[in-house]
Amino acid sequence: MDQFERRIAQARGDMPADLVLRGGQVFDLVTGAMIGGDVAICGDRIVGIGASYEAERIIDVTGLTLVPGFIDTHLHVESSLVTPFEFDRCVTPRGVTTAICDPHEIANVIGLDGIRYFQAASEHLLMDLRVQLSSCVPSTDMETSGAEILADDIARVMGHPSAIGLAEFMNYPGVIHRDPAAMDKLRLFEGGHIDGHCPQLSGRDLNAYIAAGIRTEHEATTADEALEKLRKGMRVLIREGSVSKDLDALQPILTPATSAYLCLCTDDRNPLDIGEHGHLDYMIRRLISLGTEPLAAYRAASLSAAEAFGLKDRGLIAPGLRADIVAIDSLEGCNAQLVLTAGRVVDDAAFAARGHVAPVARQSVKAPQVAAQDFRYTGNRTETPVIGILEGKIITEHLTIDIDPQDGDKRPDPARDLMRIAVIERHGRNGNIATGFVKGFGIARGAIASTVCHDHHNIAVVGADYADMALAANRLSEIEGGFVVALNGQIIAELPLPVAGLMSLESFEDVRDRLVVLRDAARSLDVTLEEPFLQLAFLALPVIPALKITDRGMVDVTKFEIIAR
């Protein structure tokens, strides 16, 4: 008897199931009902619910509620600061059985080989890691990245079983103004799945963007923005990352009526946040605590996500679907007690049995050595563009503040929270260095530097002291990238990220512990931000309004132009 017939026979009870979960209740995401009885599993498939079954193995889940595995609909694994293998070990035990990633962080460093690394890794994980094909490498022509990926390049990595479609199309001006390179990429996926990225786009421009066949969007930060996108047919992904925290603002629109068209995503979330709060499990708890009906929250976390991305084999605990199951303590608690992915119990033995893929992109930091004088900001006008941080968001304010030059340099002013920010090209392309001002860090001394610098991943450094800024930036080359905190001529904390300058080779527990030390070191500089390192990284992303900085200068994102160097 082949596997196909075995599933039918086990579903009917003609032979024992491979595995039975007994004693729990299934939360039905169609009706909201609780269904008693066994859950029978054959291989990687659910074959029976709501009945009594015999099995070769029975797991007692008495008192637990069974829900479908959670689906993170948009994330960058690299932002977890660990490899896909450690990411799997970090979040799968929390119930995340499917993650839809865009590997454009590593692709901006080493190109197609970065995408291929993720595709290869996906074949060995317990979770189902879906690898979208990066659409915007680089995100714009206003930055220097380590690679460029055009439509013909994307075609070379199509066809892998991990793929769903084209990853977030960040160059929204290129879409609505019909840039030829953007059109080539979109045509390659015409009729297929294309993820969106269009912060604050509205009206006819939003219509034009959607008309290109783009169907999902995760950049809505207000209820009004999300509702316009929903009304125009987009699936909106509610995001709660380590910096981009949009859940509270969008929670009121998540109801049983809208939950079929809303999903959950983390986008960028590090192990410290995951350890302290959680992942999608945290989002579910938070939504319910704010008044969202459990049916709507759990639908968004699984069934709606599966349907939005064409994953027809999951999203419910029902016969014939993948056995992605999470046994939780309660709907409100959402604490996973048992997780199954494709019928496999997630435990230490299962993780130990995985295959492995060698890391790539070592020695990727090729930045020039810098000195204190490289961080001077010249100019005769007192009116100065300043990036205004909005904590909990990656959008920024475009401020204009009077800063008087002194000896030909506009210096940092801690009393007004006006700090020097700089971006240093680190891919060995041109050695660009751009400087500017940022307000909102609260930093009073020293410097912080990072090679996590979205999306081009050059070196970003912010500080009150030029010598400490140079020390921190140069140290990044020595440790193959990562995070560094410098004070009074000394490195006081660091986290090496030698895989493309983005990911550690250590365990997620070690990375989490190092992040605690880094955060404390940042606070010793009087930094007031909860997550200063990722907040710094997003100040260099020129596809998120309003004012950003790249290695080519300060960028007015609303005008999509460089305004100062």
Protein backbone atom coordinates (compact mmCIF):
# COMPACT_ATOMS: atom_id res chain seq x y z
CA MET A 1 0.00 0.00 0.00
CA ASP A 2 1.48 3.37 -0.98
CA GLN A 3 1.43 6.47 1.20
CA PHE A 4 -1.60 7.88 -0.57
CA GLU A 5 -3.71 4.82 0.24
CA ARG A 6 -2.25 4.59 3.76
CA ARG A 7 -3.58 8.08 4.48
CA ILE A 8 -7.07 7.07 3.40
CA ALA A 9 -6.94 3.82 5.35
CA GLN A 10 -5.72 5.51 8.52
CA ALA A 11 -8.33 8.27 8.19
CA ARG A 12 -11.09 5.64 8.02
CA GLY A 13 -9.64 3.67 10.92
CA ASP A 14 -8.87 0.60 8.80
CA MET A 15 -5.32 0.63 10.15
CA PRO A 16 -3.61 2.40 13.08
CA ALA A 17 -2.46 5.96 12.49
CA ASP A 18 1.24 6.75 12.68
CA LEU A 19 0.60 9.25 15.46
CA VAL A 20 -2.38 10.39 17.53
CA LEU A 21 -2.71 13.49 19.70
CA ARG A 22 -5.19 12.58 22.42
CA GLY A 23 -7.03 14.57 25.06
CA GLY A 24 -6.89 18.08 23.60
CA GLN A 25 -9.40 20.27 21.80
CA VAL A 26 -8.99 21.56 18.25
CA PHE A 27 -9.74 25.26 17.74
CA ASP A 28 -11.61 25.40 14.43
CA LEU A 29 -10.65 28.58 12.58
CA VAL A 30 -13.68 28.40 10.28
CA THR A 31 -16.47 28.35 12.87
CA GLY A 32 -14.64 29.22 16.07
CA ALA A 33 -15.84 25.98 17.68
CA MET A 34 -13.79 23.69 19.92
CA ILE A 35 -13.69 20.13 18.56
CA GLY A 36 -13.02 17.20 20.86
CA GLY A 37 -11.62 13.80 19.91
CA ASP A 38 -8.28 12.56 18.62
CA VAL A 39 -6.10 14.10 15.93
CA ALA A 40 -4.71 11.34 13.71
CA ILE A 41 -1.56 11.83 11.64
CA CYS A 42 -0.12 9.76 8.80
CA GLY A 43 3.39 10.78 7.82
CA ASP A 44 3.34 14.54 7.31
CA ARG A 45 -0.45 14.82 7.00
CA ILE A 46 -3.41 15.13 9.30
CA VAL A 47 -5.87 12.38 8.41
CA GLY A 48 -8.53 12.58 11.09
CA ILE A 49 -10.09 14.83 13.73
CA GLY A 50 -13.18 14.64 15.93
CA ALA A 51 -13.12 10.85 16.26
CA SER A 52 -11.36 8.08 18.16
CA TYR A 53 -8.24 6.50 16.61
CA GLU A 54 -5.62 3.93 17.42
CA ALA A 55 -1.98 4.61 16.62
CA GLU A 56 1.56 3.33 16.78
CA ARG A 57 2.37 6.37 18.94
CA ILE A 58 0.02 8.34 21.15
CA ILE A 59 0.89 11.71 22.69
CA ASP A 60 -1.25 12.89 25.59
CA VAL A 61 -2.26 16.54 25.19
CA THR A 62 -4.98 16.54 27.83
CA GLY A 63 -6.04 20.04 28.78
CA LEU A 64 -4.30 21.69 25.83
CA THR A 65 -5.77 23.55 22.87
CA LEU A 66 -4.58 22.56 19.41
CA VAL A 67 -4.17 25.32 16.81
CA PRO A 68 -2.61 25.33 13.33
CA GLY A 69 1.09 26.18 13.09
CA PHE A 70 1.78 29.90 12.86
CA ILE A 71 2.91 31.50 9.60
CA ASP A 72 5.17 34.56 9.63
CA THR A 73 4.24 36.14 6.33
CA HIS A 74 7.20 38.47 5.93
CA LEU A 75 10.60 38.52 7.60
CA HIS A 76 14.31 38.79 7.04
CA VAL A 77 16.04 35.94 8.84
CA GLU A 78 19.25 37.97 8.80
CA SER A 79 17.64 40.47 11.19
CA SER A 80 17.50 37.74 13.82
CA LEU A 81 21.32 38.03 13.68
CA VAL A 82 21.69 34.24 13.46
CA THR A 83 21.83 31.72 10.61
CA PRO A 84 18.65 30.06 9.32
CA PHE A 85 19.52 27.00 11.40
CA GLU A 86 19.62 28.93 14.66
CA PHE A 87 16.55 30.91 13.65
CA ASP A 88 14.75 27.60 13.22
CA ARG A 89 15.83 26.51 16.69
CA CYS A 90 14.83 29.88 18.15
CA VAL A 91 11.26 30.30 16.86
CA THR A 92 9.92 26.89 15.78
CA PRO A 93 9.44 25.75 19.41
CA ARG A 94 7.24 28.83 19.81
CA GLY A 95 4.86 27.51 17.15
CA VAL A 96 6.19 29.19 13.99
CA THR A 97 6.04 26.32 11.51
CA THR A 98 6.20 28.38 8.29
CA ALA A 99 8.25 31.52 7.68
CA ILE A 100 8.19 33.46 4.42
CA CYS A 101 11.52 35.25 4.11
CA ASP A 102 13.14 37.72 1.78
CA PRO A 103 16.93 37.18 1.81
CA HIS A 104 17.65 40.60 0.36
CA GLU A 105 19.90 41.52 3.28
CA ILE A 106 22.54 38.93 2.37
CA ALA A 107 21.76 39.39 -1.34
CA ASN A 108 22.78 43.04 -1.04
CA VAL A 109 26.17 41.84 0.18
CA ILE A 110 26.93 38.86 -2.10
CA GLY A 111 24.13 38.70 -4.67
CA LEU A 112 22.60 35.45 -5.92
CA ASP A 113 24.87 33.32 -3.75
CA GLY A 114 23.05 34.72 -0.73
CA ILE A 115 19.69 33.62 -2.12
CA ARG A 116 21.13 30.20 -2.97
CA TYR A 117 22.42 29.85 0.61
CA PHE A 118 18.92 30.36 1.97
CA GLN A 119 17.40 28.03 -0.58
CA ALA A 120 19.88 25.30 0.38
CA ALA A 121 19.30 25.89 4.10
CA SER A 122 15.53 25.61 3.66
CA GLU A 123 15.95 21.97 2.63
CA HIS A 124 17.27 21.02 6.09
CA LEU A 125 15.13 22.93 8.60
CA LEU A 126 12.26 21.71 10.77
CA MET A 127 10.17 24.76 9.89
CA ASP A 128 9.09 25.31 6.31
CA LEU A 129 11.21 28.29 5.27
CA ARG A 130 9.83 29.81 2.09
CA VAL A 131 12.44 31.87 0.24
CA GLN A 132 11.02 34.69 -1.83
CA LEU A 133 13.21 36.05 -4.61
CA SER A 134 14.63 39.45 -3.79
CA SER A 135 13.26 42.14 -6.08
CA CYS A 136 15.26 45.24 -5.17
CA VAL A 137 19.00 44.70 -4.86
CA PRO A 138 19.93 47.47 -4.32
CA SER A 139 16.70 49.06 -3.12
CA THR A 140 17.43 52.27 -5.08
CA ASP A 141 20.21 53.93 -7.11
CA MET A 142 20.92 56.26 -4.17
CA GLU A 143 23.16 53.80 -2.29
CA THR A 144 26.10 51.45 -2.91
CA SER A 145 25.50 47.77 -2.25
CA GLY A 146 27.72 44.76 -2.77
CA ALA A 147 25.65 43.40 -5.65
CA GLU A 148 23.01 44.18 -8.22
CA ILE A 149 20.26 41.74 -9.17
CA LEU A 150 18.34 42.29 -12.41
CA ALA A 151 15.44 40.37 -13.92
CA ASP A 152 17.73 37.98 -15.82
CA ASP A 153 19.55 37.21 -12.57
CA ILE A 154 16.30 36.48 -10.74
CA ALA A 155 15.33 34.07 -13.49
CA ARG A 156 18.42 32.00 -12.70
CA VAL A 157 17.22 31.18 -9.16
CA MET A 158 13.56 30.57 -9.97
CA GLY A 159 12.06 27.11 -9.66
CA HIS A 160 13.37 26.12 -6.23
CA PRO A 161 10.66 24.37 -4.15
CA SER A 162 11.00 26.95 -1.37
CA ALA A 163 9.83 29.81 -3.60
CA ILE A 164 6.39 31.38 -3.66
CA GLY A 165 7.10 34.46 -5.76
CA LEU A 166 8.80 37.84 -5.89
CA ALA A 167 9.77 39.44 -2.59
CA GLU A 168 8.73 42.91 -1.43
CA PHE A 169 8.92 45.41 -4.26
CA MET A 170 10.39 48.36 -2.38
CA ASN A 171 11.07 50.60 -5.35
CA TYR A 172 7.50 51.85 -5.48
CA PRO A 173 8.44 54.98 -7.50
CA GLY A 174 9.92 52.61 -10.08
CA VAL A 175 6.59 50.79 -10.29
CA ILE A 176 4.28 53.76 -10.58
CA HIS A 177 6.58 55.59 -13.03
CA ARG A 178 7.19 52.39 -15.04
CA ASP A 179 10.96 52.16 -14.72
CA PRO A 180 12.12 49.62 -17.35
CA ALA A 181 14.15 47.49 -14.91
CA ALA A 182 11.21 47.36 -12.50
CA MET A 183 8.87 46.42 -15.33
CA ASP A 184 11.15 43.54 -16.35
CA LYS A 185 11.05 42.06 -12.85
CA LEU A 186 7.30 42.44 -12.48
CA ARG A 187 6.62 40.87 -15.87
CA LEU A 188 8.72 37.88 -14.83
CA PHE A 189 6.14 37.16 -12.10
CA GLU A 190 3.01 38.39 -13.87
CA GLY A 191 0.09 36.26 -12.73
CA GLY A 192 2.12 34.93 -9.79
CA HIS A 193 2.70 36.18 -6.28
CA ILE A 194 4.38 39.56 -5.72
CA ASP A 195 4.90 41.01 -2.25
CA GLY A 196 4.48 44.72 -1.70
CA HIS A 197 6.19 47.55 0.14
CA CYS A 198 4.60 50.97 -0.29
CA PRO A 199 4.66 53.07 2.90
CA GLN A 200 2.16 55.95 2.94
CA LEU A 201 1.26 55.43 -0.73
CA SER A 202 -2.32 56.48 -1.40
CA GLY A 203 -4.85 57.47 -4.03
CA ARG A 204 -4.01 56.98 -7.69
CA ASP A 205 -0.40 56.14 -6.93
CA LEU A 206 -1.56 53.24 -4.75
CA ASN A 207 -3.97 52.17 -7.50
CA ALA A 208 -1.09 52.12 -9.97
CA TYR A 209 1.10 50.09 -7.60
CA ILE A 210 -1.62 47.49 -7.04
CA ALA A 211 -2.42 47.37 -10.77
CA ALA A 212 1.06 45.92 -11.27
CA GLY A 213 -0.20 42.72 -9.65
CA ILE A 214 1.14 43.37 -6.14
CA ARG A 215 -1.14 41.82 -3.54
CA THR A 216 0.40 42.01 -0.05
CA GLU A 217 1.71 44.93 2.00
CA HIS A 218 3.36 45.19 5.42
CA GLU A 219 4.26 48.88 5.71
CA ALA A 220 0.92 50.27 6.94
CA THR A 221 1.49 52.15 10.20
CA THR A 222 -2.00 53.62 10.73
CA ALA A 223 -5.49 52.17 10.61
CA ASP A 224 -6.52 54.56 7.82
CA GLU A 225 -3.56 53.50 5.68
CA ALA A 226 -4.31 49.82 6.24
CA LEU A 227 -8.01 50.23 5.49
CA GLU A 228 -7.37 51.96 2.17
CA LYS A 229 -5.08 49.11 1.15
CA LEU A 230 -7.63 46.50 2.28
CA ARG A 231 -10.42 48.22 0.37
CA LYS A 232 -8.28 48.13 -2.76
CA GLY A 233 -7.79 44.39 -2.54
CA MET A 234 -4.44 44.07 -0.77
CA ARG A 235 -3.77 41.60 2.03
CA VAL A 236 -2.34 43.67 4.87
CA LEU A 237 0.33 42.10 7.05
CA ILE A 238 0.27 43.48 10.60
CA ARG A 239 3.90 43.94 11.63
CA GLU A 240 5.55 43.88 15.03
CA GLY A 241 9.32 43.86 14.76
CA SER A 242 12.08 44.99 17.07
CA VAL A 243 11.85 48.54 15.69
CA SER A 244 8.72 48.63 13.51
CA LYS A 245 5.92 48.23 16.04
CA ASP A 246 2.61 48.66 14.24
CA LEU A 247 0.44 46.11 16.05
CA ASP A 248 -1.18 48.48 18.53
CA ALA A 249 -2.09 50.96 15.78
CA LEU A 250 -3.63 48.29 13.52
CA GLN A 251 -5.24 46.10 16.18
CA PRO A 252 -8.63 47.86 16.02
CA ILE A 253 -9.14 46.83 12.39
CA LEU A 254 -8.57 43.11 13.07
CA THR A 255 -12.06 41.66 13.51
CA PRO A 256 -13.73 38.38 12.48
CA ALA A 257 -15.02 40.27 9.42
CA THR A 258 -11.58 41.46 8.27
CA SER A 259 -9.43 38.61 9.58
CA ALA A 260 -9.61 36.71 6.28
CA TYR A 261 -7.58 39.51 4.70
CA LEU A 262 -5.13 40.32 7.50
CA CYS A 263 -1.99 38.39 8.40
CA LEU A 264 0.85 38.70 10.92
CA CYS A 265 4.54 39.29 10.32
CA THR A 266 7.65 40.32 12.23
CA ASP A 267 9.82 41.68 9.39
CA ASP A 268 12.89 42.28 11.60
CA ARG A 269 13.05 40.81 15.12
CA ASN A 270 16.17 39.94 17.08
CA PRO A 271 16.78 37.15 19.63
CA LEU A 272 16.67 39.55 22.58
CA ASP A 273 13.14 40.65 21.71
CA ILE A 274 12.14 37.06 21.01
CA GLY A 275 13.59 35.90 24.32
CA GLU A 276 12.01 38.69 26.37
CA HIS A 277 8.62 38.87 24.64
CA GLY A 278 8.20 36.21 21.96
CA HIS A 279 7.59 36.01 18.23
CA LEU A 280 4.19 35.47 16.58
CA ASP A 281 3.08 33.99 19.91
CA TYR A 282 3.69 37.40 21.47
CA MET A 283 1.67 39.11 18.74
CA ILE A 284 -1.28 36.80 19.36
CA ARG A 285 -1.14 37.36 23.11
CA ARG A 286 -0.89 41.10 22.64
CA LEU A 287 -3.78 41.26 20.17
CA ILE A 288 -6.09 39.30 22.46
CA SER A 289 -5.07 41.41 25.48
CA LEU A 290 -6.09 44.51 23.50
CA GLY A 291 -9.53 43.07 22.82
CA THR A 292 -9.16 41.17 19.54
CA GLU A 293 -11.36 38.10 19.40
CA PRO A 294 -9.23 34.93 19.55
CA LEU A 295 -10.80 33.62 16.33
CA ALA A 296 -9.59 36.71 14.44
CA ALA A 297 -6.09 36.61 15.97
CA TYR A 298 -5.48 32.91 15.27
CA ARG A 299 -6.97 33.16 11.76
CA ALA A 300 -4.53 35.97 10.92
CA ALA A 301 -1.67 33.86 12.29
CA SER A 302 -2.36 30.83 10.13
CA LEU A 303 -5.41 30.30 7.90
CA SER A 304 -5.50 33.80 6.40
CA ALA A 305 -1.73 33.72 5.96
CA ALA A 306 -1.86 30.38 4.13
CA GLU A 307 -4.59 31.62 1.79
CA ALA A 308 -2.88 34.95 1.11
CA PHE A 309 0.26 33.16 -0.10
CA GLY A 310 -1.39 30.25 -1.90
CA LEU A 311 -0.26 27.64 0.65
CA LYS A 312 -3.34 25.45 0.21
CA ASP A 313 -1.93 22.56 2.23
CA ARG A 314 -1.97 24.29 5.64
CA GLY A 315 -3.73 26.80 7.88
CA LEU A 316 -6.28 24.49 9.52
CA ILE A 317 -6.22 21.32 11.59
CA ALA A 318 -8.19 19.28 9.10
CA PRO A 319 -7.87 15.99 7.17
CA GLY A 320 -5.49 16.11 4.22
CA LEU A 321 -3.52 19.13 5.39
CA ARG A 322 0.07 19.34 6.65
CA ALA A 323 0.45 18.27 10.25
CA ASP A 324 1.67 21.68 11.43
CA ILE A 325 0.15 21.77 14.90
CA VAL A 326 0.78 23.77 18.07
CA ALA A 327 -0.55 22.55 21.43
CA ILE A 328 -0.94 25.65 23.63
CA ASP A 329 -1.90 26.19 27.26
CA SER A 330 -4.82 28.47 26.36
CA LEU A 331 -5.97 30.79 23.60
CA GLU A 332 -5.08 33.81 25.72
CA GLY A 333 -1.73 32.46 26.93
CA CYS A 334 -0.53 31.08 23.58
CA ASN A 335 2.38 29.26 25.23
CA ALA A 336 3.42 26.30 23.10
CA GLN A 337 3.70 23.02 25.00
CA LEU A 338 4.16 20.84 21.91
CA VAL A 339 4.89 21.70 18.28
CA LEU A 340 4.65 19.46 15.21
CA THR A 341 5.99 20.42 11.79
CA ALA A 342 4.89 18.17 8.94
CA GLY A 343 4.12 15.46 11.51
CA ARG A 344 7.53 15.68 13.26
CA VAL A 345 7.70 16.48 16.95
CA VAL A 346 9.92 19.52 17.48
CA ASP A 347 12.51 18.62 20.11
CA ASP A 348 16.26 18.53 20.64
CA ALA A 349 16.58 15.19 18.84
CA ALA A 350 14.81 16.53 15.76
CA PHE A 351 17.08 19.59 15.65
CA ALA A 352 20.17 17.40 16.07
CA ALA A 353 19.11 15.23 13.13
CA ARG A 354 18.95 18.11 10.63
CA GLY A 355 21.39 18.45 7.78
CA HIS A 356 23.59 21.51 7.48
CA VAL A 357 24.89 24.02 4.94
CA ALA A 358 28.25 25.74 5.31
CA PRO A 359 28.04 29.50 5.98
CA VAL A 360 28.92 31.92 3.22
CA ALA A 361 30.07 35.54 2.84
CA ARG A 362 33.00 35.55 5.22
CA GLN A 363 35.44 38.51 5.13
CA SER A 364 32.79 40.71 3.55
CA VAL A 365 33.77 43.99 5.26
CA LYS A 366 36.12 45.83 2.89
CA ALA A 367 35.76 49.36 4.22
CA PRO A 368 38.54 51.94 4.17
CA GLN A 369 40.17 52.83 7.48
CA VAL A 370 38.70 56.09 8.73
CA ALA A 371 39.98 58.85 11.00
CA ALA A 372 38.25 61.37 13.25
CA GLN A 373 38.42 64.15 10.64
CA ASP A 374 36.37 62.04 8.18
CA PHE A 375 33.27 62.74 10.26
CA ARG A 376 33.33 66.52 9.91
CA TYR A 377 30.19 68.10 8.44
CA THR A 378 31.07 71.16 6.41
CA GLY A 379 28.75 73.84 5.14
CA ASN A 380 28.13 77.56 5.59
CA ARG A 381 24.35 77.56 5.98
CA THR A 382 22.97 77.24 9.49
CA GLU A 383 19.77 75.53 8.25
CA THR A 384 20.54 71.82 8.40
CA PRO A 385 18.51 68.71 7.47
CA VAL A 386 18.18 66.42 10.48
CA ILE A 387 16.76 62.89 10.67
CA GLY A 388 14.10 62.81 13.38
CA ILE A 389 13.69 59.37 14.99
CA LEU A 390 10.19 58.16 15.82
CA GLU A 391 10.77 55.37 18.32
CA GLY A 392 8.90 52.19 17.45
CA LYS A 393 8.76 53.15 13.77
CA ILE A 394 11.15 53.04 10.84
CA ILE A 395 9.60 56.09 9.23
CA THR A 396 11.38 59.28 10.30
CA GLU A 397 10.75 63.00 10.39
CA HIS A 398 12.50 65.39 8.03
CA LEU A 399 13.56 68.14 10.41
CA THR A 400 15.29 71.40 9.59
CA ILE A 401 17.31 72.81 12.50
CA ASP A 402 19.72 75.74 12.75
CA ILE A 403 23.25 74.50 13.54
CA ASP A 404 26.05 77.02 13.53
CA PRO A 405 29.38 76.00 11.94
CA GLN A 406 32.44 76.18 14.17
CA ASP A 407 35.85 76.23 12.47
CA GLY A 408 34.25 74.91 9.29
CA ASP A 409 32.43 72.05 11.01
CA LYS A 410 28.91 71.60 12.32
CA ARG A 411 29.63 69.62 15.46
CA PRO A 412 27.37 67.26 17.44
CA ASP A 413 25.34 69.00 20.14
CA PRO A 414 24.35 66.60 22.96
CA ALA A 415 22.44 69.36 24.76
CA ARG A 416 19.99 69.45 21.85
CA ASP A 417 20.27 65.71 21.11
CA LEU A 418 21.84 66.44 17.71
CA MET A 419 24.28 63.66 16.91
CA ARG A 420 26.59 62.98 14.02
CA ILE A 421 25.55 60.06 11.83
CA ALA A 422 27.69 58.68 9.04
CA VAL A 423 27.54 55.88 6.48
CA ILE A 424 30.79 54.35 5.17
CA GLU A 425 30.76 52.19 2.04
CA ARG A 426 32.13 48.76 3.02
CA HIS A 427 31.87 46.57 -0.09
CA GLY A 428 35.13 47.75 -1.63
CA ARG A 429 33.36 49.65 -4.41
CA ASN A 430 34.14 53.35 -3.94
CA GLY A 431 35.02 54.19 -0.31
CA ASN A 432 32.20 56.73 0.01
CA ILE A 433 31.65 58.45 3.36
CA ALA A 434 28.54 60.56 3.97
CA THR A 435 27.77 62.50 7.14
CA GLY A 436 24.67 64.11 8.60
CA PHE A 437 22.67 64.73 11.75
CA VAL A 438 20.14 62.67 13.67
CA LYS A 439 17.91 63.59 16.60
CA GLY A 440 16.35 61.06 18.98
CA PHE A 441 19.18 58.80 20.14
CA GLY A 442 19.82 60.69 23.36
CA ILE A 443 23.49 59.74 23.07
CA ALA A 444 25.77 62.04 25.08
CA ARG A 445 29.21 60.47 24.61
CA GLY A 446 31.03 57.76 22.65
CA ALA A 447 29.76 56.03 19.52
CA ILE A 448 27.81 53.06 18.17
CA ALA A 449 28.62 51.40 14.84
CA SER A 450 27.01 48.59 12.82
CA THR A 451 27.30 46.71 9.53
CA VAL A 452 23.59 45.91 9.78
CA CYS A 453 22.55 48.92 7.72
CA HIS A 454 19.43 48.39 5.64
CA ASP A 455 19.43 47.43 2.89
CA HIS A 456 22.86 48.09 1.40
CA HIS A 457 24.56 47.07 4.68
CA ASN A 458 27.37 49.53 4.63
CA ILE A 459 28.75 50.76 7.97
CA ALA A 460 26.46 53.07 9.92
CA VAL A 461 27.90 54.93 12.88
CA VAL A 462 26.36 57.46 15.24
CA GLY A 463 28.13 59.33 18.02
CA ALA A 464 29.11 62.41 19.93
CA ASP A 465 32.87 61.93 19.58
CA TYR A 466 34.62 61.66 16.21
CA ALA A 467 37.56 59.64 17.54
CA ASP A 468 35.23 57.07 19.10
CA MET A 469 33.25 56.93 15.85
CA ALA A 470 36.42 56.14 13.90
CA LEU A 471 37.47 53.52 16.47
CA ALA A 472 34.08 51.78 16.32
CA ALA A 473 33.90 51.82 12.52
CA ASN A 474 37.44 50.46 12.08
CA ARG A 475 36.80 47.72 14.64
CA LEU A 476 33.99 46.38 12.45
CA SER A 477 36.49 45.48 9.73
CA GLU A 478 38.56 43.53 12.26
CA ILE A 479 35.63 41.40 13.50
CA GLU A 480 34.07 40.82 10.03
CA GLY A 481 31.13 43.06 10.84
CA GLY A 482 28.59 43.29 13.61
CA PHE A 483 27.82 45.81 16.36
CA VAL A 484 30.36 47.88 18.32
CA VAL A 485 30.09 50.39 21.17
CA ALA A 486 33.07 52.69 21.85
CA LEU A 487 33.73 55.14 24.66
CA ASN A 488 36.80 57.23 25.54
CA GLY A 489 39.05 55.43 23.08
CA GLN A 490 38.01 51.93 24.19
CA ILE A 491 35.73 49.25 22.73
CA ILE A 492 33.33 48.53 25.61
CA ALA A 493 31.05 46.00 23.88
CA GLU A 494 30.80 44.20 20.56
CA LEU A 495 28.96 41.43 18.76
CA PRO A 496 30.76 39.91 15.74
CA LEU A 497 28.49 39.00 12.82
CA PRO A 498 30.93 37.33 10.42
CA VAL A 499 28.36 35.89 7.98
CA ALA A 500 27.99 38.78 5.51
CA GLY A 501 28.39 41.21 8.40
CA LEU A 502 24.81 40.27 9.30
CA MET A 503 24.68 36.93 11.12
CA SER A 504 26.53 35.29 13.97
CA LEU A 505 27.96 31.78 13.92
CA GLU A 506 27.02 31.37 17.58
CA SER A 507 23.80 30.04 19.10
CA PHE A 508 20.79 32.29 19.44
CA GLU A 509 21.18 32.08 23.21
CA ASP A 510 24.74 33.45 22.98
CA VAL A 511 23.62 36.23 20.65
CA ARG A 512 20.77 37.11 22.98
CA ASP A 513 23.16 37.36 25.93
CA ARG A 514 25.62 39.51 23.95
CA LEU A 515 22.76 41.83 22.97
CA VAL A 516 21.98 42.38 26.64
CA VAL A 517 25.58 43.52 27.18
CA LEU A 518 25.43 45.74 24.08
CA ARG A 519 22.19 47.33 25.18
CA ASP A 520 23.65 48.09 28.61
CA ALA A 521 26.76 49.56 26.97
CA ALA A 522 24.58 51.79 24.78
CA ARG A 523 22.68 52.98 27.83
CA SER A 524 25.99 53.93 29.44
CA LEU A 525 26.27 56.48 26.60
CA ASP A 526 22.85 57.83 27.69
CA VAL A 527 21.12 56.25 24.68
CA THR A 528 17.38 56.34 25.36
CA LEU A 529 16.14 54.01 22.60
CA GLU A 530 15.02 50.51 23.57
CA GLU A 531 16.55 49.04 20.39
CA PRO A 532 19.33 51.43 19.28
CA PHE A 533 21.16 49.05 16.92
CA LEU A 534 18.28 48.19 14.61
CA GLN A 535 16.97 51.75 14.88
CA LEU A 536 20.35 52.90 13.57
CA ALA A 537 20.23 50.32 10.78
CA PHE A 538 16.92 51.64 9.43
CA LEU A 539 18.11 55.24 9.29
CA ALA A 540 19.98 54.22 6.13
CA LEU A 541 17.00 52.73 4.25
CA PRO A 542 16.06 55.14 1.43
CA VAL A 543 12.69 53.55 0.64
CA ILE A 544 11.08 54.49 3.96
CA PRO A 545 10.04 58.14 4.45
CA ALA A 546 10.92 60.78 5.22
CA LEU A 547 14.66 61.55 5.61
CA LYS A 548 17.42 58.92 5.52
CA ILE A 549 21.16 58.70 4.88
CA THR A 550 23.21 56.40 2.63
CA ASP A 551 26.87 56.40 1.63
CA ARG A 552 25.90 58.88 -1.09
CA GLY A 553 24.35 61.46 1.26
CA MET A 554 21.14 62.52 2.97
CA VAL A 555 18.09 61.28 1.07
CA ASP A 556 14.70 63.00 0.91
CA VAL A 557 12.62 59.85 0.43
CA THR A 558 9.39 61.71 -0.37
CA LYS A 559 11.15 63.34 -3.32
CA PHE A 560 13.38 60.29 -3.94
CA GLU A 561 16.47 62.45 -4.26
CA ILE A 562 19.80 63.09 -2.53
CA ILE A 563 19.75 66.52 -0.88
CA ALA A 564 23.07 66.75 0.98
CA ARG A 565 26.39 64.93 1.19
